[in-house]
């Protein structure tokens, strides 16, 4: 018995440079599609973040203007209550 290592035969596909070239072209095509998808995803994500930022700013402005309106309304309500309740009552 010999101590020589038996070599596995190489796959036919590995020896076929045409198939390798086609595989590389397919891979490149998939990578281009992936790149296009990633660019579109980045644009959409950026747009969503921008819209959310605008909505948050609008909400902050609305709440700050509502706070001003509320405090104004409260002082008017206090005036109305004072006119309804005579000063002579405890």
Protein backbone atom coordinates (compact mmCIF):
# COMPACT_ATOMS: atom_id res chain seq x y z
CA UNK A 1 0.00 0.00 0.00
CA UNK A 2 1.33 3.37 -0.86
CA UNK A 3 1.20 6.42 1.36
CA UNK A 4 0.34 8.72 -1.50
CA UNK A 5 -2.62 10.99 -0.99
CA UNK A 6 -5.48 10.49 -3.30
CA UNK A 7 -6.45 13.71 -4.98
CA UNK A 8 -10.07 14.48 -5.54
CA UNK A 9 -10.84 15.25 -9.14
CA UNK A 10 -11.52 18.91 -9.77
CA UNK A 11 -15.10 19.73 -10.56
CA UNK A 12 -15.76 20.16 -14.22
CA UNK A 13 -17.32 23.56 -13.59
CA UNK A 14 -14.10 24.80 -11.99
CA UNK A 15 -12.19 23.92 -15.12
CA UNK A 16 -14.76 25.59 -17.32
CA UNK A 17 -13.62 29.19 -17.65
CA UNK A 18 -16.70 30.10 -19.68
CA UNK A 19 -18.92 29.10 -16.78
CA UNK A 20 -16.69 31.04 -14.39
CA UNK A 21 -17.00 34.11 -16.59
CA UNK A 22 -20.79 33.73 -16.66
CA UNK A 23 -20.87 33.33 -12.88
CA UNK A 24 -18.83 36.51 -12.50
CA UNK A 25 -21.14 38.40 -14.87
CA UNK A 26 -24.18 37.17 -12.95
CA UNK A 27 -22.57 38.21 -9.69
CA UNK A 28 -21.77 41.66 -11.09
CA UNK A 29 -25.36 42.04 -12.31
CA UNK A 30 -26.70 41.06 -8.87
CA UNK A 31 -24.33 43.51 -7.19
CA UNK A 32 -25.49 46.32 -9.50
CA UNK A 33 -29.12 45.54 -8.63
CA UNK A 34 -28.23 45.44 -4.94
CA UNK A 35 -26.43 48.79 -5.27
CA UNK A 36 -29.49 50.32 -6.96
CA UNK A 37 -31.75 48.98 -4.23
CA UNK A 38 -29.45 50.35 -1.52
CA UNK A 39 -29.36 53.82 -3.13
CA UNK A 40 -33.17 53.86 -3.35
CA UNK A 41 -33.42 52.69 0.27
CA UNK A 42 -31.04 55.45 1.39
CA UNK A 43 -33.10 58.07 -0.47
CA UNK A 44 -36.35 56.83 1.04
CA UNK A 45 -34.83 56.65 4.52
CA UNK A 46 -33.51 60.18 4.17
CA UNK A 47 -36.91 61.39 3.01
CA UNK A 48 -38.69 59.67 5.91
CA UNK A 49 -36.26 61.13 8.45
CA UNK A 50 -36.72 64.58 6.92
CA UNK A 51 -40.52 64.29 7.05
CA UNK A 52 -40.39 63.08 10.66
CA UNK A 53 -38.14 65.98 11.59
CA UNK A 54 -40.56 68.43 9.97
CA UNK A 55 -43.52 66.83 11.74
CA UNK A 56 -41.72 67.03 15.09
CA UNK A 57 -40.90 70.71 14.52
CA UNK A 58 -44.53 71.39 13.54
CA UNK A 59 -45.70 69.60 16.67
CA UNK A 60 -43.31 71.61 18.85
CA UNK A 61 -44.52 74.88 17.30
CA UNK A 62 -48.15 73.85 17.74
CA UNK A 63 -47.66 72.85 21.36
CA UNK A 64 -45.79 76.07 22.17
CA UNK A 65 -48.48 78.18 20.50
CA UNK A 66 -51.18 76.12 22.26
CA UNK A 67 -49.43 76.75 25.57
CA UNK A 68 -49.59 80.48 24.88
CA UNK A 69 -53.26 80.23 23.92
CA UNK A 70 -54.01 78.11 26.99
CA UNK A 71 -52.39 80.55 29.38
CA UNK A 72 -54.21 83.42 27.66
CA UNK A 73 -57.52 81.53 27.92
CA UNK A 74 -56.89 80.76 31.59
CA UNK A 75 -56.37 84.41 32.42
CA UNK A 76 -59.58 85.28 30.53
CA UNK A 77 -61.41 82.51 32.41
CA UNK A 78 -60.16 83.93 35.72
CA UNK A 79 -61.54 87.33 34.72
CA UNK A 80 -64.90 85.75 33.82
CA UNK A 81 -65.07 83.95 37.16
CA UNK A 82 -64.25 87.16 39.03
CA UNK A 83 -67.11 88.96 37.30
CA UNK A 84 -69.53 86.15 38.09
CA UNK A 85 -68.63 85.97 41.79
CA UNK A 86 -69.15 89.20 43.65
CA UNK A 87 -66.21 90.43 45.70
CA UNK A 88 -68.33 90.54 48.83
CA UNK A 89 -68.63 86.75 48.99
CA UNK A 90 -65.88 84.94 50.90
